[in-house]
């Protein structure tokens, strides 16, 4: 007896899954895997849309150097130290 090939191991794995998991486990497993892939793709699309919206919003928000929102490092130190 030599070593088993990958095909032997796959056949043994399928037989074990059918015997111990029942016939309904494999389709359920594959359906869950498909739903996970679809959710992942949907999340990527939503993430890209959010990035596009953020990029559009960043163009309209330009701060002037004289703006009160721009604090000097001394003012930041005073605020941090009390």
PDB file of N, CA and C in Angstrom:
ATOM      1  N   UNK A   1       0.833  -1.188   0.000  1.00  0.00           N
ATOM      2  CA  UNK A   1       0.000   0.000   0.000  1.00  0.00           C
ATOM      3  C   UNK A   1       0.873   1.245   0.000  1.00  0.00           C
ATOM      4  N   UNK A   2       0.599   2.110  -0.913  1.00  0.00           N
ATOM      5  CA  UNK A   2       1.331   3.360  -0.982  1.00  0.00           C
ATOM      6  C   UNK A   2       0.528   4.489  -0.366  1.00  0.00           C
ATOM      7  N   UNK A   3       0.953   5.684  -0.605  1.00  0.00           N
ATOM      8  CA  UNK A   3       0.231   6.837  -0.077  1.00  0.00           C
ATOM      9  C   UNK A   3      -0.986   7.113  -0.935  1.00  0.00           C
ATOM     10  N   UNK A   4      -1.959   7.724  -0.338  1.00  0.00           N
ATOM     11  CA  UNK A   4      -3.186   8.053  -1.057  1.00  0.00           C
ATOM     12  C   UNK A   4      -3.018   9.372  -1.790  1.00  0.00           C
ATOM     13  N   UNK A   5      -3.683   9.493  -2.933  1.00  0.00           N
ATOM     14  CA  UNK A   5      -3.657  10.753  -3.678  1.00  0.00           C
ATOM     15  C   UNK A   5      -4.733  11.684  -3.113  1.00  0.00           C
ATOM     16  N   UNK A   6      -4.766  12.891  -3.615  1.00  0.00           N
ATOM     17  CA  UNK A   6      -5.745  13.874  -3.135  1.00  0.00           C
ATOM     18  C   UNK A   6      -7.164  13.414  -3.459  1.00  0.00           C
ATOM     19  N   UNK A   7      -7.339  12.720  -4.569  1.00  0.00           N
ATOM     20  CA  UNK A   7      -8.675  12.254  -4.954  1.00  0.00           C
ATOM     21  C   UNK A   7      -9.190  11.203  -3.974  1.00  0.00           C
ATOM     22  N   UNK A   8      -8.317  10.348  -3.489  1.00  0.00           N
ATOM     23  CA  UNK A   8      -8.734   9.360  -2.497  1.00  0.00           C
ATOM     24  C   UNK A   8      -9.217  10.049  -1.226  1.00  0.00           C
ATOM     25  N   UNK A   9      -8.473  11.061  -0.787  1.00  0.00           N
ATOM     26  CA  UNK A   9      -8.850  11.771   0.433  1.00  0.00           C
ATOM     27  C   UNK A   9     -10.161  12.529   0.262  1.00  0.00           C
ATOM     28  N   UNK A  10     -10.378  13.115  -0.920  1.00  0.00           N
ATOM     29  CA  UNK A  10     -11.634  13.829  -1.162  1.00  0.00           C
ATOM     30  C   UNK A  10     -12.826  12.880  -1.143  1.00  0.00           C
ATOM     31  N   UNK A  11     -12.677  11.705  -1.756  1.00  0.00           N
ATOM     32  CA  UNK A  11     -13.763  10.730  -1.754  1.00  0.00           C
ATOM     33  C   UNK A  11     -14.056  10.262  -0.333  1.00  0.00           C
ATOM     34  N   UNK A  12     -13.030   9.990   0.447  1.00  0.00           N
ATOM     35  CA  UNK A  12     -13.219   9.577   1.839  1.00  0.00           C
ATOM     36  C   UNK A  12     -13.902  10.693   2.627  1.00  0.00           C
ATOM     37  N   UNK A  13     -13.506  11.913   2.411  1.00  0.00           N
ATOM     38  CA  UNK A  13     -14.112  13.037   3.119  1.00  0.00           C
ATOM     39  C   UNK A  13     -15.592  13.167   2.785  1.00  0.00           C
ATOM     40  N   UNK A  14     -15.956  13.036   1.517  1.00  0.00           N
ATOM     41  CA  UNK A  14     -17.363  13.126   1.115  1.00  0.00           C
ATOM     42  C   UNK A  14     -18.166  11.995   1.749  1.00  0.00           C
ATOM     43  N   UNK A  15     -17.635  10.790   1.735  1.00  0.00           N
ATOM     44  CA  UNK A  15     -18.338   9.649   2.332  1.00  0.00           C
ATOM     45  C   UNK A  15     -18.547   9.869   3.830  1.00  0.00           C
ATOM     46  N   UNK A  16     -17.537  10.359   4.518  1.00  0.00           N
ATOM     47  CA  UNK A  16     -17.650  10.620   5.960  1.00  0.00           C
ATOM     48  C   UNK A  16     -18.680  11.711   6.222  1.00  0.00           C
ATOM     49  N   UNK A  17     -18.673  12.764   5.412  1.00  0.00           N
ATOM     50  CA  UNK A  17     -19.653  13.835   5.592  1.00  0.00           C
ATOM     51  C   UNK A  17     -21.072  13.339   5.383  1.00  0.00           C
ATOM     52  N   UNK A  18     -21.288  12.522   4.383  1.00  0.00           N
ATOM     53  CA  UNK A  18     -22.628  12.007   4.122  1.00  0.00           C
ATOM     54  C   UNK A  18     -23.070  11.059   5.234  1.00  0.00           C
ATOM     55  N   UNK A  19     -22.177  10.204   5.702  1.00  0.00           N
ATOM     56  CA  UNK A  19     -22.547   9.242   6.738  1.00  0.00           C
ATOM     57  C   UNK A  19     -22.839   9.902   8.079  1.00  0.00           C
ATOM     58  N   UNK A  20     -21.978  10.815   8.494  1.00  0.00           N
ATOM     59  CA  UNK A  20     -22.124  11.421   9.820  1.00  0.00           C
ATOM     60  C   UNK A  20     -22.914  12.720   9.809  1.00  0.00           C
ATOM     61  N   UNK A  21     -22.957  13.391   8.672  1.00  0.00           N
ATOM     62  CA  UNK A  21     -23.658  14.668   8.617  1.00  0.00           C
ATOM     63  C   UNK A  21     -25.022  14.564   7.988  1.00  0.00           C
ATOM     64  N   UNK A  22     -25.304  13.485   7.324  1.00  0.00           N
ATOM     65  CA  UNK A  22     -26.573  13.350   6.637  1.00  0.00           C
ATOM     66  C   UNK A  22     -26.512  13.994   5.272  1.00  0.00           C
ATOM     67  N   UNK A  23     -27.475  13.690   4.436  1.00  0.00           N
ATOM     68  CA  UNK A  23     -27.499  14.210   3.068  1.00  0.00           C
ATOM     69  C   UNK A  23     -27.788  15.694   2.989  1.00  0.00           C
ATOM     70  N   UNK A  24     -28.461  16.249   3.991  1.00  0.00           N
ATOM     71  CA  UNK A  24     -28.841  17.663   3.952  1.00  0.00           C
ATOM     72  C   UNK A  24     -27.745  18.615   4.383  1.00  0.00           C
ATOM     73  N   UNK A  25     -26.690  18.089   4.980  1.00  0.00           N
ATOM     74  CA  UNK A  25     -25.631  18.958   5.507  1.00  0.00           C
ATOM     75  C   UNK A  25     -24.810  19.598   4.390  1.00  0.00           C
ATOM     76  N   UNK A  26     -24.511  18.843   3.358  1.00  0.00           N
ATOM     77  CA  UNK A  26     -23.650  19.368   2.291  1.00  0.00           C
ATOM     78  C   UNK A  26     -24.332  20.517   1.545  1.00  0.00           C
ATOM     79  N   UNK A  27     -25.598  20.371   1.100  1.00  0.00           N
ATOM     80  CA  UNK A  27     -26.243  21.516   0.442  1.00  0.00           C
ATOM     81  C   UNK A  27     -26.367  22.736   1.363  1.00  0.00           C
ATOM     82  N   UNK A  28     -26.642  22.475   2.641  1.00  0.00           N
ATOM     83  CA  UNK A  28     -26.745  23.587   3.596  1.00  0.00           C
ATOM     84  C   UNK A  28     -25.395  24.290   3.749  1.00  0.00           C
ATOM     85  N   UNK A  29     -24.336  23.504   3.812  1.00  0.00           N
ATOM     86  CA  UNK A  29     -22.994  24.066   3.925  1.00  0.00           C
ATOM     87  C   UNK A  29     -22.650  24.915   2.704  1.00  0.00           C
ATOM     88  N   UNK A  30     -22.967  24.401   1.526  1.00  0.00           N
ATOM     89  CA  UNK A  30     -22.681  25.142   0.292  1.00  0.00           C
ATOM     90  C   UNK A  30     -23.533  26.409   0.189  1.00  0.00           C
ATOM     91  N   UNK A  31     -24.797  26.332   0.621  1.00  0.00           N
ATOM     92  CA  UNK A  31     -25.669  27.512   0.591  1.00  0.00           C
ATOM     93  C   UNK A  31     -25.133  28.588   1.536  1.00  0.00           C
ATOM     94  N   UNK A  32     -24.714  28.187   2.722  1.00  0.00           N
ATOM     95  CA  UNK A  32     -24.149  29.133   3.681  1.00  0.00           C
ATOM     96  C   UNK A  32     -22.877  29.774   3.131  1.00  0.00           C
ATOM     97  N   UNK A  33     -22.056  28.967   2.460  1.00  0.00           N
ATOM     98  CA  UNK A  33     -20.827  29.502   1.871  1.00  0.00           C
ATOM     99  C   UNK A  33     -21.154  30.515   0.776  1.00  0.00           C
ATOM    100  N   UNK A  34     -22.161  30.217  -0.052  1.00  0.00           N
ATOM    101  CA  UNK A  34     -22.574  31.146  -1.106  1.00  0.00           C
ATOM    102  C   UNK A  34     -23.122  32.444  -0.540  1.00  0.00           C
ATOM    103  N   UNK A  35     -23.900  32.352   0.522  1.00  0.00           N
ATOM    104  CA  UNK A  35     -24.440  33.551   1.157  1.00  0.00           C
ATOM    105  C   UNK A  35     -23.320  34.396   1.757  1.00  0.00           C
ATOM    106  N   UNK A  36     -22.320  33.740   2.310  1.00  0.00           N
ATOM    107  CA  UNK A  36     -21.182  34.474   2.858  1.00  0.00           C
ATOM    108  C   UNK A  36     -20.407  35.211   1.781  1.00  0.00           C
ATOM    109  N   UNK A  37     -20.226  34.575   0.641  1.00  0.00           N
ATOM    110  CA  UNK A  37     -19.519  35.220  -0.472  1.00  0.00           C
ATOM    111  C   UNK A  37     -20.323  36.407  -0.980  1.00  0.00           C
ATOM    112  N   UNK A  38     -21.644  36.241  -1.112  1.00  0.00           N
ATOM    113  CA  UNK A  38     -22.492  37.350  -1.568  1.00  0.00           C
ATOM    114  C   UNK A  38     -22.457  38.515  -0.587  1.00  0.00           C
ATOM    115  N   UNK A  39     -22.490  38.225   0.701  1.00  0.00           N
ATOM    116  CA  UNK A  39     -22.426  39.287   1.708  1.00  0.00           C
ATOM    117  C   UNK A  39     -21.081  40.005   1.639  1.00  0.00           C
ATOM    118  N   UNK A  40     -20.010  39.263   1.398  1.00  0.00           N
ATOM    119  CA  UNK A  40     -18.683  39.869   1.278  1.00  0.00           C
ATOM    120  C   UNK A  40     -18.623  40.806   0.074  1.00  0.00           C
ATOM    121  N   UNK A  41     -19.158  40.366  -1.064  1.00  0.00           N
ATOM    122  CA  UNK A  41     -19.169  41.205  -2.269  1.00  0.00           C
ATOM    123  C   UNK A  41     -20.009  42.457  -2.053  1.00  0.00           C
ATOM    124  N   UNK A  42     -21.159  42.304  -1.391  1.00  0.00           N
ATOM    125  CA  UNK A  42     -22.029  43.445  -1.109  1.00  0.00           C
ATOM    126  C   UNK A  42     -21.311  44.457  -0.206  1.00  0.00           C
ATOM    127  N   UNK A  43     -20.586  43.947   0.787  1.00  0.00           N
ATOM    128  CA  UNK A  43     -19.833  44.817   1.681  1.00  0.00           C
ATOM    129  C   UNK A  43     -18.740  45.581   0.947  1.00  0.00           C
ATOM    130  N   UNK A  44     -18.093  44.928  -0.011  1.00  0.00           N
ATOM    131  CA  UNK A  44     -17.065  45.617  -0.794  1.00  0.00           C
ATOM    132  C   UNK A  44     -17.672  46.733  -1.631  1.00  0.00           C
ATOM    133  N   UNK A  45     -18.845  46.468  -2.228  1.00  0.00           N
ATOM    134  CA  UNK A  45     -19.505  47.492  -3.043  1.00  0.00           C
ATOM    135  C   UNK A  45     -19.914  48.685  -2.183  1.00  0.00           C
ATOM    136  N   UNK A  46     -20.479  48.411  -0.988  1.00  0.00           N
ATOM    137  CA  UNK A  46     -20.888  49.492  -0.096  1.00  0.00           C
ATOM    138  C   UNK A  46     -19.688  50.291   0.383  1.00  0.00           C
ATOM    139  N   UNK A  47     -18.586  49.606   0.655  1.00  0.00           N
ATOM    140  CA  UNK A  47     -17.368  50.284   1.092  1.00  0.00           C
ATOM    141  C   UNK A  47     -16.857  51.213  -0.002  1.00  0.00           C
ATOM    142  N   UNK A  48     -16.909  50.754  -1.251  1.00  0.00           N
ATOM    143  CA  UNK A  48     -16.454  51.587  -2.370  1.00  0.00           C
ATOM    144  C   UNK A  48     -17.361  52.798  -2.532  1.00  0.00           C
ATOM    145  N   UNK A  49     -18.688  52.617  -2.362  1.00  0.00           N
ATOM    146  CA  UNK A  49     -19.621  53.738  -2.454  1.00  0.00           C
ATOM    147  C   UNK A  49     -19.343  54.760  -1.360  1.00  0.00           C
ATOM    148  N   UNK A  50     -19.058  54.282  -0.138  1.00  0.00           N
ATOM    149  CA  UNK A  50     -18.762  55.186   0.971  1.00  0.00           C
ATOM    150  C   UNK A  50     -17.479  55.962   0.714  1.00  0.00           C
ATOM    151  N   UNK A  51     -16.478  55.298   0.140  1.00  0.00           N
ATOM    152  CA  UNK A  51     -15.229  55.991  -0.182  1.00  0.00           C
ATOM    153  C   UNK A  51     -15.449  57.053  -1.246  1.00  0.00           C
ATOM    154  N   UNK A  52     -16.286  56.736  -2.242  1.00  0.00           N
ATOM    155  CA  UNK A  52     -16.579  57.702  -3.297  1.00  0.00           C
ATOM    156  C   UNK A  52     -17.315  58.918  -2.738  1.00  0.00           C
ATOM    157  N   UNK A  53     -18.276  58.674  -1.839  1.00  0.00           N
ATOM    158  CA  UNK A  53     -19.014  59.781  -1.228  1.00  0.00           C
ATOM    159  C   UNK A  53     -18.091  60.632  -0.362  1.00  0.00           C
ATOM    160  N   UNK A  54     -17.192  59.996   0.368  1.00  0.00           N
ATOM    161  CA  UNK A  54     -16.262  60.726   1.223  1.00  0.00           C
ATOM    162  C   UNK A  54     -15.303  61.565   0.374  1.00  0.00           C
ATOM    163  N   UNK A  55     -14.885  61.040  -0.752  1.00  0.00           N
ATOM    164  CA  UNK A  55     -13.972  61.783  -1.626  1.00  0.00           C
ATOM    165  C   UNK A  55     -14.671  63.008  -2.207  1.00  0.00           C
ATOM    166  N   UNK A  56     -15.963  62.874  -2.534  1.00  0.00           N
ATOM    167  CA  UNK A  56     -16.710  64.015  -3.053  1.00  0.00           C
ATOM    168  C   UNK A  56     -16.894  65.075  -1.976  1.00  0.00           C
ATOM    169  N   UNK A  57     -17.136  64.666  -0.746  1.00  0.00           N
ATOM    170  CA  UNK A  57     -17.346  65.591   0.357  1.00  0.00           C
ATOM    171  C   UNK A  57     -16.070  66.294   0.784  1.00  0.00           C
ATOM    172  N   UNK A  58     -14.916  65.669   0.630  1.00  0.00           N
ATOM    173  CA  UNK A  58     -13.651  66.274   1.029  1.00  0.00           C
ATOM    174  C   UNK A  58     -13.272  67.449   0.154  1.00  0.00           C
ATOM    175  N   UNK A  59     -13.687  67.458  -1.103  1.00  0.00           N
ATOM    176  CA  UNK A  59     -13.343  68.541  -2.014  1.00  0.00           C
ATOM    177  C   UNK A  59     -13.999  69.850  -1.599  1.00  0.00           C
ATOM    178  N   UNK A  60     -15.184  69.784  -1.016  1.00  0.00           N
ATOM    179  CA  UNK A  60     -15.892  71.000  -0.652  1.00  0.00           C
ATOM    180  C   UNK A  60     -15.447  71.551   0.698  1.00  0.00           C
ATOM    181  N   UNK A  61     -14.716  70.802   1.466  1.00  0.00           N
ATOM    182  CA  UNK A  61     -14.291  71.240   2.795  1.00  0.00           C
ATOM    183  C   UNK A  61     -12.830  71.665   2.756  1.00  0.00           C
ATOM    184  N   UNK A  62     -12.616  72.942   2.523  1.00  0.00           N
ATOM    185  CA  UNK A  62     -11.256  73.475   2.513  1.00  0.00           C
ATOM    186  C   UNK A  62     -11.170  74.508   3.632  1.00  0.00           C
ATOM    187  N   UNK A  63     -10.219  74.346   4.530  1.00  0.00           N
ATOM    188  CA  UNK A  63     -10.052  75.264   5.651  1.00  0.00           C
ATOM    189  C   UNK A  63      -9.002  76.315   5.314  1.00  0.00           C
ATOM    190  N   UNK A  64      -9.286  77.538   5.735  1.00  0.00           N
ATOM    191  CA  UNK A  64      -8.302  78.612   5.580  1.00  0.00           C
ATOM    192  C   UNK A  64      -7.300  78.523   6.713  1.00  0.00           C
ATOM    193  N   UNK A  65      -6.130  79.096   6.510  1.00  0.00           N
ATOM    194  CA  UNK A  65      -5.125  79.077   7.568  1.00  0.00           C
ATOM    195  C   UNK A  65      -5.518  79.997   8.717  1.00  0.00           C
ATOM    196  N   UNK A  66      -6.318  81.023   8.440  1.00  0.00           N
ATOM    197  CA  UNK A  66      -6.747  81.955   9.476  1.00  0.00           C
ATOM    198  C   UNK A  66      -7.989  81.449  10.210  1.00  0.00           C
ATOM    199  N   UNK A  67      -8.447  80.304   9.869  1.00  0.00           N
ATOM    200  CA  UNK A  67      -9.653  79.746  10.463  1.00  0.00           C
ATOM    201  C   UNK A  67      -9.414  79.402  11.924  1.00  0.00           C
ATOM    202  N   UNK A  68     -10.430  79.579  12.788  1.00  0.00           N
ATOM    203  CA  UNK A  68     -10.266  79.203  14.196  1.00  0.00           C
ATOM    204  C   UNK A  68     -10.132  77.688  14.391  1.00  0.00           C
ATOM    205  N   UNK A  69     -10.477  76.930  13.395  1.00  0.00           N
ATOM    206  CA  UNK A  69     -10.353  75.479  13.515  1.00  0.00           C
ATOM    207  C   UNK A  69      -8.885  75.054  13.502  1.00  0.00           C
ATOM    208  N   UNK A  70      -8.024  75.891  12.977  1.00  0.00           N
ATOM    209  CA  UNK A  70      -6.599  75.592  12.915  1.00  0.00           C
ATOM    210  C   UNK A  70      -5.940  76.180  14.168  1.00  0.00           C
ATOM    211  N   UNK A  71      -5.592  75.346  15.098  1.00  0.00           N
ATOM    212  CA  UNK A  71      -4.958  75.790  16.335  1.00  0.00           C
ATOM    213  C   UNK A  71      -3.455  75.563  16.236  1.00  0.00           C
ATOM    214  N   UNK A  72      -2.696  76.488  16.823  1.00  0.00           N
ATOM    215  CA  UNK A  72      -1.245  76.333  16.801  1.00  0.00           C
ATOM    216  C   UNK A  72      -0.840  75.260  17.817  1.00  0.00           C
ATOM    217  N   UNK A  73       0.385  74.836  17.718  1.00  0.00           N
ATOM    218  CA  UNK A  73       0.864  73.779  18.625  1.00  0.00           C
ATOM    219  C   UNK A  73       0.906  74.293  20.063  1.00  0.00           C
ATOM    220  N   UNK A  74       1.171  75.620  20.268  1.00  0.00           N
ATOM    221  CA  UNK A  74       1.171  76.173  21.611  1.00  0.00           C
ATOM    222  C   UNK A  74      -0.217  76.137  22.226  1.00  0.00           C
ATOM    223  N   UNK A  75      -1.247  76.443  21.426  1.00  0.00           N
ATOM    224  CA  UNK A  75      -2.610  76.410  21.923  1.00  0.00           C
ATOM    225  C   UNK A  75      -3.035  74.969  22.273  1.00  0.00           C
ATOM    226  N   UNK A  76      -2.573  74.025  21.472  1.00  0.00           N
ATOM    227  CA  UNK A  76      -2.884  72.623  21.731  1.00  0.00           C
ATOM    228  C   UNK A  76      -2.219  72.158  23.032  1.00  0.00           C
ATOM    229  N   UNK A  77      -0.969  72.604  23.281  1.00  0.00           N
ATOM    230  CA  UNK A  77      -0.272  72.257  24.509  1.00  0.00           C
ATOM    231  C   UNK A  77      -0.964  72.836  25.725  1.00  0.00           C
ATOM    232  N   UNK A  78      -1.404  74.099  25.622  1.00  0.00           N
ATOM    233  CA  UNK A  78      -2.101  74.729  26.737  1.00  0.00           C
ATOM    234  C   UNK A  78      -3.403  74.000  27.046  1.00  0.00           C
ATOM    235  N   UNK A  79      -4.106  73.630  26.008  1.00  0.00           N
ATOM    236  CA  UNK A  79      -5.377  72.936  26.201  1.00  0.00           C
ATOM    237  C   UNK A  79      -5.147  71.557  26.823  1.00  0.00           C
ATOM    238  N   UNK A  80      -4.090  70.892  26.431  1.00  0.00           N
ATOM    239  CA  UNK A  80      -3.813  69.553  26.945  1.00  0.00           C
ATOM    240  C   UNK A  80      -3.342  69.600  28.395  1.00  0.00           C
ATOM    241  N   UNK A  81      -2.583  70.636  28.763  1.00  0.00           N
ATOM    242  CA  UNK A  81      -2.025  70.734  30.102  1.00  0.00           C
ATOM    243  C   UNK A  81      -2.946  71.451  31.078  1.00  0.00           C
ATOM    244  N   UNK A  82      -3.955  72.080  30.587  1.00  0.00           N
ATOM    245  CA  UNK A  82      -4.910  72.712  31.500  1.00  0.00           C
ATOM    246  C   UNK A  82      -4.720  74.125  31.596  1.00  0.00           C
TER     247      UNK A  82
END
